């Protein structure tokens, strides 16, 4: 991509910083939702980078200011990469497997916005959050 002006460069920087801020900080409030995307080697090779970027884009498009997207290391379920864990305040974490493409939109619509986990994508794991 060729940048033709200082204004164009500033616009690119602003758009990029919006994405970085969404990933790193989210918005501070009581209803914060965290989306953890497994970004270890197995996750990345299975498409986790694209999954993370799709979550960031979808959240930005939907203007969901209480959602924070966090790249993490190994979640421990290599057979189901890309893996995503959704943490909603006051609820048990939900772990999703094989999260690619339209599944990102489905998780945003049904779980994040609608409050109901997407049952057919859940990896059933019994764990408590520290």
Protein backbone atom coordinates (compact mmCIF):
# COMPACT_ATOMS: atom_id res chain seq x y z
CA UNK A 1 0.00 0.00 0.00
CA UNK A 2 1.37 3.35 -1.00
CA UNK A 3 0.65 6.28 1.33
CA UNK A 4 0.15 9.48 -0.66
CA UNK A 5 -0.19 12.10 2.06
CA UNK A 6 0.36 12.85 5.71
CA UNK A 7 -3.42 12.96 6.21
CA UNK A 8 -3.78 9.46 4.77
CA UNK A 9 -1.01 8.22 7.08
CA UNK A 10 -2.76 9.81 10.10
CA UNK A 11 -6.03 8.13 9.14
CA UNK A 12 -4.34 4.73 8.85
CA UNK A 13 -2.69 5.25 12.24
CA UNK A 14 -5.99 6.25 13.86
CA UNK A 15 -7.81 3.19 12.48
CA UNK A 16 -4.99 0.92 13.64
CA UNK A 17 -4.90 2.45 17.11
CA UNK A 18 -8.66 1.92 17.49
CA UNK A 19 -8.12 -1.80 16.90
CA UNK A 20 -5.14 -1.97 19.27
CA UNK A 21 -7.03 -0.11 22.00
CA UNK A 22 -10.01 -2.44 21.64
CA UNK A 23 -7.74 -5.46 21.99
CA UNK A 24 -5.70 -4.10 24.88
CA UNK A 25 -8.08 -2.01 26.93
CA UNK A 26 -11.72 -2.37 25.95
CA UNK A 27 -13.97 -0.01 27.89
CA UNK A 28 -13.94 0.04 31.70
CA UNK A 29 -17.30 -0.83 33.24
CA UNK A 30 -19.02 -3.47 35.37
CA UNK A 31 -20.40 -5.41 32.39
CA UNK A 32 -17.01 -6.15 30.85
CA UNK A 33 -16.80 -9.19 28.61
CA UNK A 34 -13.46 -10.77 27.75
CA UNK A 35 -12.87 -12.82 24.63
CA UNK A 36 -9.63 -14.80 24.90
CA UNK A 37 -8.22 -16.12 21.62
CA UNK A 38 -5.61 -18.90 21.84
CA UNK A 39 -2.59 -17.64 19.90
CA UNK A 40 -0.01 -20.37 20.48
CA UNK A 41 1.68 -21.98 17.49
CA UNK A 42 -1.07 -24.55 16.95
CA UNK A 43 -3.76 -21.86 17.13
CA UNK A 44 -2.00 -19.53 14.72
CA UNK A 45 -1.41 -22.33 12.23
CA UNK A 46 -5.12 -23.18 12.42
CA UNK A 47 -6.26 -19.61 11.73
CA UNK A 48 -6.39 -17.96 15.17
CA UNK A 49 -4.91 -14.70 13.88
CA UNK A 50 -7.78 -14.38 11.39
CA UNK A 51 -10.26 -15.33 14.14
CA UNK A 52 -8.88 -12.64 16.47
CA UNK A 53 -9.05 -10.04 13.69
CA UNK A 54 -12.63 -11.04 12.87
CA UNK A 55 -13.65 -10.60 16.52
CA UNK A 56 -12.03 -7.16 16.62
CA UNK A 57 -13.73 -6.09 13.37
CA UNK A 58 -17.14 -7.46 14.40
CA UNK A 59 -16.98 -5.81 17.83
CA UNK A 60 -15.95 -2.51 16.28
CA UNK A 61 -18.74 -2.75 13.68
CA UNK A 62 -21.34 -3.55 16.36
CA UNK A 63 -19.95 -0.81 18.68
CA UNK A 64 -19.70 -3.18 21.64
CA UNK A 65 -17.72 -0.99 24.05
CA UNK A 66 -17.82 -3.43 26.96
CA UNK A 67 -15.97 -6.22 25.11
CA UNK A 68 -12.21 -6.74 25.30
CA UNK A 69 -10.42 -9.10 22.88
CA UNK A 70 -7.29 -10.61 24.39
CA UNK A 71 -4.70 -12.71 22.55
CA UNK A 72 -3.43 -15.43 24.92
CA UNK A 73 -1.07 -18.38 24.70
CA UNK A 74 -2.04 -22.03 24.69
CA UNK A 75 -5.53 -22.76 26.00
CA UNK A 76 -4.79 -26.50 25.89
CA UNK A 77 -7.17 -27.91 23.27
CA UNK A 78 -5.00 -28.20 20.17
CA UNK A 79 -7.43 -30.62 18.54
CA UNK A 80 -10.05 -27.87 18.39
CA UNK A 81 -8.09 -24.82 17.28
CA UNK A 82 -8.77 -21.98 16.94
CA UNK A 83 -10.06 -21.94 20.51
CA UNK A 84 -11.83 -19.01 22.13
CA UNK A 85 -12.86 -18.51 25.75
CA UNK A 86 -15.64 -16.05 26.61
CA UNK A 87 -15.62 -14.62 30.14
CA UNK A 88 -18.71 -12.71 31.21
CA UNK A 89 -18.73 -11.17 34.65
CA UNK A 90 -20.64 -13.35 37.12
CA UNK A 91 -20.86 -16.37 34.78
CA UNK A 92 -18.81 -19.52 34.26
CA UNK A 93 -16.35 -19.16 31.34
CA UNK A 94 -17.38 -20.77 28.05
CA UNK A 95 -14.75 -22.43 25.85
CA UNK A 96 -15.42 -22.66 22.12
CA UNK A 97 -13.55 -24.79 19.58
CA UNK A 98 -13.00 -24.57 15.82
CA UNK A 99 -13.92 -20.87 15.77
CA UNK A 100 -13.51 -19.65 12.20
CA UNK A 101 -15.43 -17.49 9.74
CA UNK A 102 -19.17 -17.25 10.37
CA UNK A 103 -18.75 -18.79 13.82
CA UNK A 104 -17.27 -15.51 15.07
CA UNK A 105 -20.42 -13.67 14.00
CA UNK A 106 -22.59 -16.39 15.57
CA UNK A 107 -20.77 -16.09 18.92
CA UNK A 108 -21.09 -12.29 18.87
CA UNK A 109 -24.79 -12.37 17.98
CA UNK A 110 -25.96 -15.23 20.19
CA UNK A 111 -23.61 -15.18 23.17
CA UNK A 112 -22.16 -11.68 23.48
CA UNK A 113 -25.27 -9.74 22.42
CA UNK A 114 -27.96 -12.34 23.16
CA UNK A 115 -26.61 -13.86 26.36
CA UNK A 116 -26.98 -17.49 25.21
CA UNK A 117 -23.89 -19.60 24.51
CA UNK A 118 -23.65 -21.30 21.11
CA UNK A 119 -24.10 -24.90 22.27
CA UNK A 120 -22.83 -26.68 19.13
CA UNK A 121 -19.44 -24.90 19.38
CA UNK A 122 -18.80 -25.42 23.11
CA UNK A 123 -15.92 -27.60 24.27
CA UNK A 124 -17.32 -29.10 27.46
CA UNK A 125 -14.64 -28.64 30.10
CA UNK A 126 -15.07 -28.59 33.84
CA UNK A 127 -12.90 -25.81 35.26
CA UNK A 128 -13.09 -22.93 37.62
CA UNK A 129 -11.66 -19.55 36.76
CA UNK A 130 -8.88 -18.38 39.08
